[in-house]
């Protein structure tokens, strides 16, 4: 199947890109620059991995998100909270309906590019705080994409039932260099080591039994 992959440059989406290269024909990888504090750190890694798999890479700017939406993840928002990813305060990092917006745009792009599928790296660990990462939402969005396109574009979510540790193990088997991925929501010179995504990244590496190549403050 010809597919487009949503690839932010994080460890999950980069793994999804390499998974897609093995399972399908990757037409393109798409990254969204929506004003997140860490977009400038992760998108270059998405471009790097797209080149590695021989895929076209497109960056789509969504300037209105930072201007109109409320989230600590955005440049216009407050401080990124620290603590475990599943803690209640991490709800501050939710960008309202983000995946729905991105999937809608990516679906139109996929059909225009001649792809029959769209790959997203949503996983089980996202379900706790992100409503638009849960399988109920993904199933409904997938049906909308299928019904709303002549190509019947399918939403592929290979990691939806996997933990981040299992994704790390999968990426390792696929030869993913996790040193060339970005997780930290703060977007500094190095990973902060304290925000929810940094904590989750450390846990994933440990659960997968992998050495963590990440440089933390």
N, C-alpha and C. Protein backbone atom coordinates (compact mmCIF):
# COMPACT_ATOMS: atom_id res chain seq x y z
N UNK A 1 0.84 -1.20 0.00
CA UNK A 1 0.00 0.00 0.00
C UNK A 1 0.88 1.25 0.00
N UNK A 2 0.52 2.26 -0.77
CA UNK A 2 1.20 3.54 -0.74
C UNK A 2 0.69 4.34 0.46
N UNK A 3 1.62 4.83 1.30
CA UNK A 3 1.20 5.51 2.52
C UNK A 3 1.94 6.83 2.70
N UNK A 4 1.30 7.71 3.46
CA UNK A 4 1.92 8.93 3.97
C UNK A 4 2.06 8.74 5.47
N UNK A 5 3.17 9.18 6.05
CA UNK A 5 3.42 9.00 7.48
C UNK A 5 3.47 10.36 8.16
N UNK A 6 2.71 10.50 9.25
CA UNK A 6 2.83 11.68 10.09
C UNK A 6 4.10 11.51 10.92
N UNK A 7 5.07 12.37 10.73
CA UNK A 7 6.36 12.22 11.40
C UNK A 7 6.79 13.54 12.01
N UNK A 8 6.70 13.62 13.33
CA UNK A 8 7.07 14.85 14.03
C UNK A 8 8.57 14.96 14.21
N UNK A 9 9.25 13.80 14.28
CA UNK A 9 10.66 13.76 14.63
C UNK A 9 10.88 13.17 16.00
N UNK A 10 9.79 12.79 16.68
CA UNK A 10 9.88 12.11 17.97
C UNK A 10 10.15 10.63 17.77
N UNK A 11 10.45 9.93 18.87
CA UNK A 11 10.85 8.53 18.74
C UNK A 11 9.72 7.64 18.23
N UNK A 12 8.49 7.96 18.58
CA UNK A 12 7.36 7.13 18.13
C UNK A 12 7.13 7.28 16.63
N UNK A 13 7.04 8.52 16.17
CA UNK A 13 6.71 8.74 14.76
C UNK A 13 7.87 8.35 13.85
N UNK A 14 9.10 8.52 14.32
CA UNK A 14 10.25 8.08 13.53
C UNK A 14 10.24 6.56 13.40
N UNK A 15 9.91 5.88 14.50
CA UNK A 15 9.78 4.42 14.43
C UNK A 15 8.67 4.03 13.46
N UNK A 16 7.56 4.77 13.49
CA UNK A 16 6.45 4.48 12.57
C UNK A 16 6.89 4.66 11.12
N UNK A 17 7.72 5.65 10.87
CA UNK A 17 8.22 5.89 9.51
C UNK A 17 9.06 4.69 9.03
N UNK A 18 9.93 4.21 9.90
CA UNK A 18 10.77 3.07 9.52
C UNK A 18 9.94 1.78 9.42
N UNK A 19 8.93 1.66 10.27
CA UNK A 19 8.01 0.52 10.17
C UNK A 19 7.30 0.55 8.82
N UNK A 20 6.82 1.74 8.44
CA UNK A 20 6.09 1.89 7.18
C UNK A 20 6.97 1.56 5.99
N UNK A 21 8.24 1.91 6.06
CA UNK A 21 9.14 1.61 4.95
C UNK A 21 9.24 0.10 4.73
N UNK A 22 9.18 -0.66 5.82
CA UNK A 22 9.28 -2.12 5.70
C UNK A 22 7.96 -2.77 5.29
N UNK A 23 6.85 -2.17 5.68
CA UNK A 23 5.54 -2.79 5.46
C UNK A 23 4.80 -2.25 4.24
N UNK A 24 5.14 -1.04 3.81
CA UNK A 24 4.40 -0.37 2.74
C UNK A 24 5.36 0.41 1.85
N UNK A 25 4.81 1.16 0.92
CA UNK A 25 5.59 2.07 0.08
C UNK A 25 5.33 3.49 0.58
N UNK A 26 6.35 4.12 1.14
CA UNK A 26 6.17 5.45 1.73
C UNK A 26 6.25 6.51 0.63
N UNK A 27 5.13 7.19 0.44
CA UNK A 27 5.06 8.27 -0.56
C UNK A 27 5.68 9.54 0.00
N UNK A 28 5.41 9.83 1.27
CA UNK A 28 5.91 11.05 1.88
C UNK A 28 5.78 10.98 3.39
N UNK A 29 6.57 11.80 4.06
CA UNK A 29 6.43 12.03 5.50
C UNK A 29 6.02 13.49 5.70
N UNK A 30 5.10 13.71 6.61
CA UNK A 30 4.59 15.07 6.86
C UNK A 30 4.89 15.48 8.30
N UNK A 31 5.41 16.69 8.45
CA UNK A 31 5.60 17.29 9.77
C UNK A 31 4.77 18.57 9.84
N UNK A 32 4.22 18.85 11.01
CA UNK A 32 3.43 20.08 11.20
C UNK A 32 4.17 21.02 12.14
N UNK A 33 4.34 22.24 11.70
CA UNK A 33 4.90 23.30 12.55
C UNK A 33 3.73 24.14 13.04
N UNK A 34 3.29 23.85 14.24
CA UNK A 34 2.07 24.49 14.75
C UNK A 34 2.34 25.41 15.94
N UNK A 35 3.61 25.78 16.11
CA UNK A 35 3.94 26.72 17.18
C UNK A 35 4.27 26.08 18.49
N UNK A 36 4.56 24.79 18.49
CA UNK A 36 4.97 24.12 19.73
C UNK A 36 6.39 24.56 20.09
N UNK A 37 6.68 24.59 21.38
CA UNK A 37 7.99 25.04 21.84
C UNK A 37 9.13 24.17 21.30
N UNK A 38 8.83 22.93 20.95
CA UNK A 38 9.89 22.00 20.53
C UNK A 38 9.87 21.69 19.04
N UNK A 39 9.00 22.33 18.27
CA UNK A 39 8.94 22.05 16.83
C UNK A 39 10.30 22.23 16.14
N UNK A 40 11.01 23.28 16.52
CA UNK A 40 12.29 23.57 15.85
C UNK A 40 13.36 22.54 16.18
N UNK A 41 13.17 21.77 17.25
CA UNK A 41 14.14 20.75 17.64
C UNK A 41 13.81 19.40 16.99
N UNK A 42 12.53 19.11 16.82
CA UNK A 42 12.17 17.77 16.33
C UNK A 42 12.03 17.68 14.82
N UNK A 43 11.55 18.72 14.17
CA UNK A 43 11.31 18.65 12.72
C UNK A 43 12.57 18.32 11.91
N UNK A 44 13.74 18.89 12.26
CA UNK A 44 14.95 18.49 11.50
C UNK A 44 15.23 16.99 11.56
N UNK A 45 14.88 16.33 12.66
CA UNK A 45 15.07 14.88 12.74
C UNK A 45 14.08 14.16 11.84
N UNK A 46 12.87 14.69 11.73
CA UNK A 46 11.89 14.10 10.81
C UNK A 46 12.42 14.17 9.38
N UNK A 47 12.98 15.31 9.02
CA UNK A 47 13.55 15.48 7.67
C UNK A 47 14.70 14.51 7.44
N UNK A 48 15.53 14.35 8.46
CA UNK A 48 16.68 13.45 8.35
C UNK A 48 16.24 12.01 8.10
N UNK A 49 15.25 11.56 8.86
CA UNK A 49 14.79 10.17 8.70
C UNK A 49 14.00 9.97 7.41
N UNK A 50 13.32 11.01 6.96
CA UNK A 50 12.65 10.91 5.65
C UNK A 50 13.68 10.70 4.55
N UNK A 51 14.77 11.44 4.64
CA UNK A 51 15.85 11.25 3.66
C UNK A 51 16.41 9.83 3.75
N UNK A 52 16.54 9.33 4.98
CA UNK A 52 17.13 8.00 5.18
C UNK A 52 16.29 6.90 4.53
N UNK A 53 14.96 7.08 4.51
CA UNK A 53 14.10 6.06 3.90
C UNK A 53 13.76 6.41 2.45
N UNK A 54 14.33 7.51 1.96
CA UNK A 54 14.10 7.90 0.57
C UNK A 54 12.73 8.46 0.29
N UNK A 55 12.15 9.13 1.30
CA UNK A 55 10.79 9.66 1.15
C UNK A 55 10.78 11.18 1.07
N UNK A 56 9.85 11.70 0.32
CA UNK A 56 9.60 13.14 0.27
C UNK A 56 9.22 13.62 1.68
N UNK A 57 9.68 14.81 2.05
CA UNK A 57 9.31 15.37 3.36
C UNK A 57 8.67 16.73 3.17
N UNK A 58 7.51 16.89 3.78
CA UNK A 58 6.78 18.15 3.70
C UNK A 58 6.56 18.71 5.11
N UNK A 59 6.81 20.00 5.27
CA UNK A 59 6.51 20.70 6.52
C UNK A 59 5.32 21.61 6.27
N UNK A 60 4.27 21.42 7.05
CA UNK A 60 3.05 22.20 6.89
C UNK A 60 2.90 23.13 8.10
N UNK A 61 2.85 24.42 7.84
CA UNK A 61 2.73 25.41 8.91
C UNK A 61 1.26 25.60 9.30
N UNK A 62 1.02 25.56 10.59
CA UNK A 62 -0.32 25.82 11.14
C UNK A 62 -0.22 26.96 12.15
N UNK A 63 0.08 28.14 11.66
CA UNK A 63 0.34 29.28 12.53
C UNK A 63 -0.84 29.62 13.43
N UNK A 64 -2.02 29.35 12.96
CA UNK A 64 -3.22 29.74 13.72
C UNK A 64 -3.33 28.99 15.04
N UNK A 65 -2.72 27.81 15.14
CA UNK A 65 -2.84 27.02 16.37
C UNK A 65 -2.21 27.77 17.55
N UNK A 66 -0.99 28.25 17.38
CA UNK A 66 -0.33 28.99 18.45
C UNK A 66 -1.05 30.29 18.77
N UNK A 67 -1.68 30.88 17.76
CA UNK A 67 -2.35 32.17 17.95
C UNK A 67 -3.70 32.04 18.63
N UNK A 68 -4.41 30.95 18.35
CA UNK A 68 -5.80 30.84 18.79
C UNK A 68 -6.06 29.78 19.87
N UNK A 69 -5.15 28.83 20.01
CA UNK A 69 -5.39 27.71 20.92
C UNK A 69 -4.66 27.93 22.24
N UNK A 70 -5.14 27.24 23.27
CA UNK A 70 -4.55 27.35 24.60
C UNK A 70 -3.89 26.03 24.98
N UNK A 71 -2.58 26.06 25.23
CA UNK A 71 -1.84 24.88 25.67
C UNK A 71 -0.45 25.29 26.13
N UNK A 72 0.04 24.64 27.19
CA UNK A 72 1.41 24.90 27.66
C UNK A 72 2.44 24.41 26.66
N UNK A 73 2.02 23.57 25.73
CA UNK A 73 2.93 23.05 24.71
C UNK A 73 3.32 24.13 23.71
N UNK A 74 2.49 25.14 23.56
CA UNK A 74 2.68 26.16 22.53
C UNK A 74 3.56 27.31 23.02
N UNK A 75 4.19 27.97 22.06
CA UNK A 75 5.06 29.10 22.40
C UNK A 75 4.28 30.19 23.13
N UNK A 76 3.02 30.33 22.79
CA UNK A 76 2.21 31.35 23.44
C UNK A 76 1.61 30.92 24.75
N UNK A 77 1.89 29.69 25.19
CA UNK A 77 1.32 29.16 26.43
C UNK A 77 2.25 29.34 27.62
N UNK A 78 1.85 28.76 28.75
CA UNK A 78 2.64 28.87 29.98
C UNK A 78 3.79 27.89 30.01
N UNK A 79 4.38 27.74 31.18
CA UNK A 79 5.51 26.84 31.35
C UNK A 79 5.08 25.38 31.18
N UNK A 80 5.95 24.60 30.53
CA UNK A 80 5.69 23.16 30.40
C UNK A 80 5.81 22.52 31.77
N UNK A 81 4.80 21.80 32.24
CA UNK A 81 4.87 21.18 33.56
C UNK A 81 5.89 20.04 33.60
N UNK A 82 6.39 19.77 34.79
CA UNK A 82 7.30 18.66 35.00
C UNK A 82 6.59 17.56 35.76
N UNK A 83 7.10 16.34 35.64
CA UNK A 83 6.47 15.21 36.32
C UNK A 83 6.18 14.08 35.36
N UNK A 84 5.52 13.06 35.87
CA UNK A 84 5.23 11.89 35.05
C UNK A 84 4.19 12.22 33.99
N UNK A 85 4.32 11.60 32.85
CA UNK A 85 3.44 11.85 31.70
C UNK A 85 1.97 11.62 32.03
N UNK A 86 1.70 10.69 32.94
CA UNK A 86 0.31 10.36 33.26
C UNK A 86 -0.26 11.21 34.39
N UNK A 87 0.55 12.14 34.93
CA UNK A 87 0.06 13.00 36.00
C UNK A 87 -0.97 13.98 35.46
N UNK A 88 -1.88 14.40 36.34
CA UNK A 88 -2.98 15.27 35.92
C UNK A 88 -2.48 16.59 35.34
N UNK A 89 -1.35 17.10 35.89
CA UNK A 89 -0.88 18.40 35.41
C UNK A 89 -0.40 18.36 33.97
N UNK A 90 -0.15 17.15 33.42
CA UNK A 90 0.28 17.05 32.03
C UNK A 90 -0.85 17.35 31.05
N UNK A 91 -2.08 17.43 31.56
CA UNK A 91 -3.19 17.82 30.69
C UNK A 91 -2.99 19.24 30.15
N UNK A 92 -2.13 20.01 30.81
CA UNK A 92 -1.83 21.36 30.33
C UNK A 92 -1.16 21.33 28.96
N UNK A 93 -0.58 20.19 28.59
CA UNK A 93 0.13 20.09 27.31
C UNK A 93 -0.78 19.66 26.17
N UNK A 94 -2.03 19.39 26.45
CA UNK A 94 -2.96 19.01 25.39
C UNK A 94 -3.22 20.21 24.47
N UNK A 95 -3.07 20.01 23.18
CA UNK A 95 -3.46 21.01 22.19
C UNK A 95 -4.81 20.57 21.65
N UNK A 96 -5.89 21.33 21.93
CA UNK A 96 -7.24 20.88 21.61
C UNK A 96 -7.43 20.41 20.17
N UNK A 97 -7.87 19.17 20.03
CA UNK A 97 -8.25 18.58 18.74
C UNK A 97 -7.11 18.56 17.73
N UNK A 98 -5.89 18.57 18.22
CA UNK A 98 -4.72 18.65 17.33
C UNK A 98 -4.68 17.53 16.30
N UNK A 99 -4.85 16.28 16.75
CA UNK A 99 -4.74 15.17 15.80
C UNK A 99 -5.83 15.20 14.74
N UNK A 100 -7.02 15.65 15.13
CA UNK A 100 -8.10 15.73 14.14
C UNK A 100 -7.75 16.73 13.04
N UNK A 101 -7.18 17.86 13.44
CA UNK A 101 -6.80 18.89 12.47
C UNK A 101 -5.70 18.37 11.56
N UNK A 102 -4.68 17.78 12.16
CA UNK A 102 -3.54 17.29 11.38
C UNK A 102 -3.94 16.14 10.47
N UNK A 103 -4.75 15.23 10.98
CA UNK A 103 -5.17 14.09 10.17
C UNK A 103 -6.04 14.54 8.99
N UNK A 104 -6.87 15.54 9.20
CA UNK A 104 -7.71 16.04 8.11
C UNK A 104 -6.85 16.59 6.98
N UNK A 105 -5.86 17.39 7.34
CA UNK A 105 -4.98 17.97 6.33
C UNK A 105 -4.16 16.88 5.66
N UNK A 106 -3.60 15.98 6.48
CA UNK A 106 -2.76 14.91 5.94
C UNK A 106 -3.56 13.97 5.05
N UNK A 107 -4.83 13.77 5.36
CA UNK A 107 -5.68 12.91 4.54
C UNK A 107 -5.87 13.51 3.15
N UNK A 108 -6.13 14.82 3.10
CA UNK A 108 -6.25 15.48 1.81
C UNK A 108 -4.96 15.42 1.02
N UNK A 109 -3.85 15.59 1.72
CA UNK A 109 -2.55 15.49 1.06
C UNK A 109 -2.32 14.07 0.54
N UNK A 110 -2.65 13.07 1.37
CA UNK A 110 -2.44 11.67 0.98
C UNK A 110 -3.20 11.33 -0.29
N UNK A 111 -4.47 11.73 -0.36
CA UNK A 111 -5.24 11.43 -1.56
C UNK A 111 -4.67 12.16 -2.77
N UNK A 112 -4.24 13.40 -2.56
CA UNK A 112 -3.66 14.17 -3.67
C UNK A 112 -2.35 13.56 -4.15
N UNK A 113 -1.62 12.92 -3.22
CA UNK A 113 -0.32 12.33 -3.56
C UNK A 113 -0.43 10.89 -4.06
N UNK A 114 -1.67 10.40 -4.16
CA UNK A 114 -1.88 9.05 -4.68
C UNK A 114 -1.67 7.95 -3.66
N UNK A 115 -1.75 8.29 -2.36
CA UNK A 115 -1.60 7.29 -1.30
C UNK A 115 -2.95 6.73 -0.88
N UNK A 116 -2.93 5.47 -0.45
CA UNK A 116 -4.17 4.83 0.03
C UNK A 116 -4.24 4.76 1.55
N UNK A 117 -3.14 5.09 2.22
CA UNK A 117 -3.11 4.98 3.67
C UNK A 117 -2.36 6.12 4.33
N UNK A 118 -2.69 6.36 5.59
CA UNK A 118 -2.05 7.40 6.39
C UNK A 118 -1.65 6.76 7.71
N UNK A 119 -0.37 6.87 8.06
CA UNK A 119 0.16 6.22 9.26
C UNK A 119 0.36 7.23 10.38
N UNK A 120 -0.17 6.90 11.58
CA UNK A 120 0.04 7.74 12.76
C UNK A 120 0.56 6.86 13.88
N UNK A 121 1.42 7.43 14.73
CA UNK A 121 2.11 6.64 15.75
C UNK A 121 1.46 6.70 17.12
N UNK A 122 0.18 7.06 17.19
CA UNK A 122 -0.51 7.09 18.49
C UNK A 122 -0.36 5.73 19.17
N UNK A 123 -0.15 5.76 20.49
CA UNK A 123 0.09 4.51 21.22
C UNK A 123 -0.66 4.49 22.54
N UNK A 124 -0.59 3.36 23.23
CA UNK A 124 -1.39 3.15 24.43
C UNK A 124 -1.08 4.17 25.53
N UNK A 125 0.18 4.60 25.62
CA UNK A 125 0.54 5.55 26.66
C UNK A 125 -0.07 6.93 26.47
N UNK A 126 -0.48 7.26 25.25
CA UNK A 126 -1.10 8.56 24.97
C UNK A 126 -2.55 8.63 25.45
N UNK A 127 -3.16 7.47 25.66
CA UNK A 127 -4.61 7.43 25.88
C UNK A 127 -5.04 8.17 27.13
N UNK A 128 -4.17 8.20 28.14
CA UNK A 128 -4.57 8.74 29.44
C UNK A 128 -4.95 10.21 29.35
N UNK A 129 -4.14 11.01 28.67
CA UNK A 129 -4.40 12.46 28.68
C UNK A 129 -4.82 13.04 27.33
N UNK A 130 -4.63 12.30 26.26
CA UNK A 130 -4.95 12.85 24.93
C UNK A 130 -6.19 12.18 24.34
N UNK A 131 -7.34 12.85 24.39
CA UNK A 131 -8.57 12.24 23.86
C UNK A 131 -8.47 11.88 22.39
N UNK A 132 -7.71 12.67 21.61
CA UNK A 132 -7.63 12.43 20.17
C UNK A 132 -6.49 11.46 19.81
N UNK A 133 -6.04 10.69 20.80
CA UNK A 133 -5.11 9.59 20.54
C UNK A 133 -5.77 8.24 20.86
N UNK A 134 -6.95 8.28 21.45
CA UNK A 134 -7.62 7.04 21.87
C UNK A 134 -8.22 6.31 20.68
N UNK A 135 -8.34 5.00 20.84
CA UNK A 135 -8.79 4.17 19.72
C UNK A 135 -10.21 4.52 19.29
N UNK A 136 -11.09 4.88 20.22
CA UNK A 136 -12.44 5.26 19.83
C UNK A 136 -12.41 6.44 18.85
N UNK A 137 -11.57 7.43 19.16
CA UNK A 137 -11.43 8.57 18.26
C UNK A 137 -10.81 8.15 16.94
N UNK A 138 -9.73 7.36 17.02
CA UNK A 138 -9.04 6.94 15.81
C UNK A 138 -9.96 6.14 14.89
N UNK A 139 -10.77 5.29 15.48
CA UNK A 139 -11.70 4.49 14.68
C UNK A 139 -12.69 5.40 13.96
N UNK A 140 -13.21 6.39 14.68
CA UNK A 140 -14.17 7.32 14.08
C UNK A 140 -13.51 8.18 13.01
N UNK A 141 -12.30 8.64 13.28
CA UNK A 141 -11.59 9.47 12.32
C UNK A 141 -11.23 8.66 11.08
N UNK A 142 -10.84 7.42 11.30
CA UNK A 142 -10.53 6.55 10.17
C UNK A 142 -11.73 6.33 9.27
N UNK A 143 -12.89 6.17 9.89
CA UNK A 143 -14.11 5.99 9.11
C UNK A 143 -14.46 7.26 8.33
N UNK A 144 -14.26 8.42 8.96
CA UNK A 144 -14.52 9.68 8.27
C UNK A 144 -13.58 9.86 7.08
N UNK A 145 -12.32 9.48 7.25
CA UNK A 145 -11.36 9.57 6.15
C UNK A 145 -11.74 8.64 5.01
N UNK A 146 -12.15 7.43 5.37
CA UNK A 146 -12.54 6.46 4.34
C UNK A 146 -13.75 6.94 3.56
N UNK A 147 -14.74 7.46 4.27
CA UNK A 147 -15.97 7.90 3.63
C UNK A 147 -15.80 9.22 2.88
N UNK A 148 -14.83 10.02 3.32
CA UNK A 148 -14.69 11.36 2.77
C UNK A 148 -13.71 11.49 1.62
N UNK A 149 -13.17 10.36 1.16
CA UNK A 149 -12.21 10.41 0.06
C UNK A 149 -12.60 9.40 -1.02
N UNK A 150 -12.35 9.75 -2.27
CA UNK A 150 -12.59 8.80 -3.36
C UNK A 150 -11.67 7.59 -3.22
N UNK A 151 -10.47 7.82 -2.70
CA UNK A 151 -9.51 6.72 -2.56
C UNK A 151 -9.81 5.84 -1.36
N UNK A 152 -10.74 6.28 -0.50
CA UNK A 152 -11.02 5.52 0.72
C UNK A 152 -9.78 5.40 1.59
N UNK A 153 -9.11 6.55 1.81
CA UNK A 153 -7.84 6.55 2.55
C UNK A 153 -8.01 5.89 3.92
N UNK A 154 -7.14 4.92 4.20
CA UNK A 154 -7.21 4.17 5.46
C UNK A 154 -6.29 4.81 6.49
N UNK A 155 -6.75 4.86 7.75
CA UNK A 155 -5.92 5.36 8.85
C UNK A 155 -5.25 4.16 9.51
N UNK A 156 -3.93 4.08 9.37
CA UNK A 156 -3.16 2.98 9.94
C UNK A 156 -2.54 3.42 11.25
N UNK A 157 -2.75 2.66 12.29
CA UNK A 157 -2.25 2.98 13.63
C UNK A 157 -1.59 1.74 14.23
N UNK A 158 -0.41 1.40 13.74
CA UNK A 158 0.24 0.15 14.11
C UNK A 158 0.62 0.04 15.57
N UNK A 159 0.71 1.19 16.28
CA UNK A 159 1.18 1.16 17.67
C UNK A 159 0.07 1.42 18.68
N UNK A 160 -1.18 1.42 18.23
CA UNK A 160 -2.28 1.89 19.08
C UNK A 160 -2.42 1.08 20.36
N UNK A 161 -2.02 -0.19 20.35
CA UNK A 161 -2.13 -1.03 21.55
C UNK A 161 -0.78 -1.27 22.21
N UNK A 162 0.26 -0.58 21.75
CA UNK A 162 1.61 -0.79 22.26
C UNK A 162 2.00 0.27 23.28
N UNK A 163 2.87 -0.12 24.22
CA UNK A 163 3.46 0.85 25.13
C UNK A 163 4.65 1.52 24.44
N UNK A 164 5.12 2.61 25.03
CA UNK A 164 6.27 3.29 24.44
C UNK A 164 7.52 2.41 24.54
N UNK A 165 7.60 1.59 25.58
CA UNK A 165 8.71 0.66 25.68
C UNK A 165 8.71 -0.34 24.54
N UNK A 166 7.53 -0.81 24.16
CA UNK A 166 7.42 -1.73 23.04
C UNK A 166 7.76 -1.04 21.72
N UNK A 167 7.42 0.24 21.62
CA UNK A 167 7.78 1.00 20.42
C UNK A 167 9.30 1.16 20.35
N UNK A 168 9.93 1.44 21.50
CA UNK A 168 11.39 1.57 21.53
C UNK A 168 12.05 0.27 21.08
N UNK A 169 11.52 -0.86 21.54
CA UNK A 169 12.07 -2.16 21.15
C UNK A 169 11.88 -2.40 19.66
N UNK A 170 10.73 -2.00 19.14
CA UNK A 170 10.45 -2.13 17.71
C UNK A 170 11.42 -1.27 16.90
N UNK A 171 11.61 -0.04 17.34
CA UNK A 171 12.53 0.85 16.65
C UNK A 171 13.95 0.30 16.65
N UNK A 172 14.35 -0.27 17.76
CA UNK A 172 15.69 -0.86 17.84
C UNK A 172 15.85 -1.99 16.83
N UNK A 173 14.82 -2.82 16.70
CA UNK A 173 14.86 -3.92 15.72
C UNK A 173 14.93 -3.39 14.29
N UNK A 174 14.33 -2.22 14.08
CA UNK A 174 14.31 -1.63 12.73
C UNK A 174 15.56 -0.78 12.45
N UNK A 175 16.43 -0.67 13.45
CA UNK A 175 17.67 0.08 13.25
C UNK A 175 17.53 1.58 13.44
N UNK A 176 16.51 2.02 14.17
CA UNK A 176 16.32 3.45 14.40
C UNK A 176 17.40 3.98 15.35
N UNK A 177 18.02 5.08 14.99
CA UNK A 177 18.98 5.75 15.86
C UNK A 177 18.22 6.76 16.70
N UNK A 178 17.93 6.39 17.95
CA UNK A 178 17.11 7.25 18.80
C UNK A 178 17.84 8.52 19.25
N UNK A 179 19.16 8.55 19.07
CA UNK A 179 19.90 9.78 19.36
C UNK A 179 19.48 10.88 18.40
N UNK A 180 18.94 10.47 17.25
CA UNK A 180 18.47 11.41 16.23
C UNK A 180 16.94 11.49 16.23
N UNK A 181 16.38 11.60 17.43
CA UNK A 181 14.96 11.87 17.63
C UNK A 181 14.84 12.86 18.77
N UNK A 182 13.70 13.52 18.88
CA UNK A 182 13.52 14.53 19.93
C UNK A 182 12.20 14.30 20.65
N UNK A 183 12.23 14.43 21.99
CA UNK A 183 11.01 14.26 22.79
C UNK A 183 10.66 15.49 23.63
N UNK A 184 11.66 16.15 24.20
CA UNK A 184 11.42 17.17 25.23
C UNK A 184 10.50 18.30 24.76
N UNK A 185 9.44 18.53 25.53
CA UNK A 185 8.48 19.57 25.19
C UNK A 185 9.03 20.98 25.38
N UNK A 186 10.10 21.13 26.17
CA UNK A 186 10.61 22.47 26.44
C UNK A 186 11.42 23.03 25.27
N UNK A 187 11.99 22.15 24.45
CA UNK A 187 12.66 22.60 23.24
C UNK A 187 13.96 23.33 23.45
N UNK A 188 14.67 23.00 24.53
CA UNK A 188 15.95 23.65 24.79
C UNK A 188 17.09 23.03 24.01
N UNK A 189 18.32 23.39 24.39
CA UNK A 189 19.48 22.87 23.70
C UNK A 189 19.64 21.37 23.91
N UNK A 190 19.21 20.90 25.09
CA UNK A 190 19.23 19.48 25.40
C UNK A 190 17.89 19.09 26.03
N UNK A 191 17.61 17.80 26.09
CA UNK A 191 16.41 17.33 26.77
C UNK A 191 16.48 17.74 28.25
N UNK A 192 15.38 18.24 28.79
CA UNK A 192 15.40 18.72 30.18
C UNK A 192 15.50 17.57 31.18
N UNK A 193 14.94 16.40 30.80
CA UNK A 193 14.98 15.25 31.69
C UNK A 193 13.89 15.24 32.74
N UNK A 194 13.04 16.29 32.78
CA UNK A 194 12.06 16.40 33.85
C UNK A 194 10.61 16.50 33.38
N UNK A 195 10.40 16.94 32.15
CA UNK A 195 9.02 17.04 31.67
C UNK A 195 8.47 15.64 31.38
N UNK A 196 7.18 15.55 31.17
CA UNK A 196 6.54 14.25 31.01
C UNK A 196 7.11 13.43 29.88
N UNK A 197 7.40 14.06 28.75
CA UNK A 197 7.91 13.29 27.62
C UNK A 197 9.34 12.81 27.86
N UNK A 198 10.14 13.60 28.58
CA UNK A 198 11.49 13.15 28.92
C UNK A 198 11.43 11.95 29.87
N UNK A 199 10.57 12.04 30.88
CA UNK A 199 10.41 10.94 31.84
C UNK A 199 9.95 9.68 31.10
N UNK A 200 8.99 9.85 30.20
CA UNK A 200 8.47 8.70 29.45
C UNK A 200 9.54 8.12 28.53
N UNK A 201 10.36 8.98 27.95
CA UNK A 201 11.44 8.52 27.07
C UNK A 201 12.43 7.65 27.86
N UNK A 202 12.81 8.14 29.05
CA UNK A 202 13.73 7.36 29.90
C UNK A 202 13.13 6.01 30.25
N UNK A 203 11.85 6.01 30.64
CA UNK A 203 11.17 4.77 31.01
C UNK A 203 11.12 3.80 29.84
N UNK A 204 10.82 4.32 28.66
CA UNK A 204 10.71 3.46 27.47
C UNK A 204 12.02 2.75 27.18
N UNK A 205 13.12 3.49 27.25
CA UNK A 205 14.43 2.90 27.00
C UNK A 205 14.74 1.82 28.03
N UNK A 206 14.43 2.12 29.29
CA UNK A 206 14.70 1.16 30.36
C UNK A 206 13.85 -0.10 30.18
N UNK A 207 12.57 0.07 29.87
CA UNK A 207 11.68 -1.08 29.70
C UNK A 207 12.08 -1.93 28.51
N UNK A 208 12.63 -1.30 27.48
CA UNK A 208 13.08 -2.03 26.29
C UNK A 208 14.47 -2.63 26.48
N UNK A 209 15.11 -2.29 27.61
CA UNK A 209 16.44 -2.80 27.86
C UNK A 209 17.50 -2.20 26.95
N UNK A 210 17.27 -0.93 26.57
CA UNK A 210 18.18 -0.26 25.64
C UNK A 210 18.96 0.83 26.36
N UNK A 211 20.22 1.06 25.98
CA UNK A 211 20.94 2.20 26.51
C UNK A 211 20.32 3.48 25.96
N UNK A 212 20.14 4.47 26.82
CA UNK A 212 19.53 5.71 26.39
C UNK A 212 20.61 6.66 25.86
N UNK A 213 20.59 6.98 24.56
CA UNK A 213 21.62 7.84 23.98
C UNK A 213 21.36 9.32 24.17
N UNK A 214 20.28 9.64 24.86
CA UNK A 214 19.83 11.04 24.98
C UNK A 214 20.71 11.84 25.95
N UNK A 215 21.04 13.07 25.59
CA UNK A 215 21.74 13.98 26.48
C UNK A 215 20.71 14.81 27.24
N UNK A 216 20.70 14.66 28.56
CA UNK A 216 19.75 15.39 29.41
C UNK A 216 20.48 16.46 30.22
N UNK A 217 19.75 17.54 30.53
CA UNK A 217 20.33 18.56 31.43
C UNK A 217 20.53 17.96 32.82
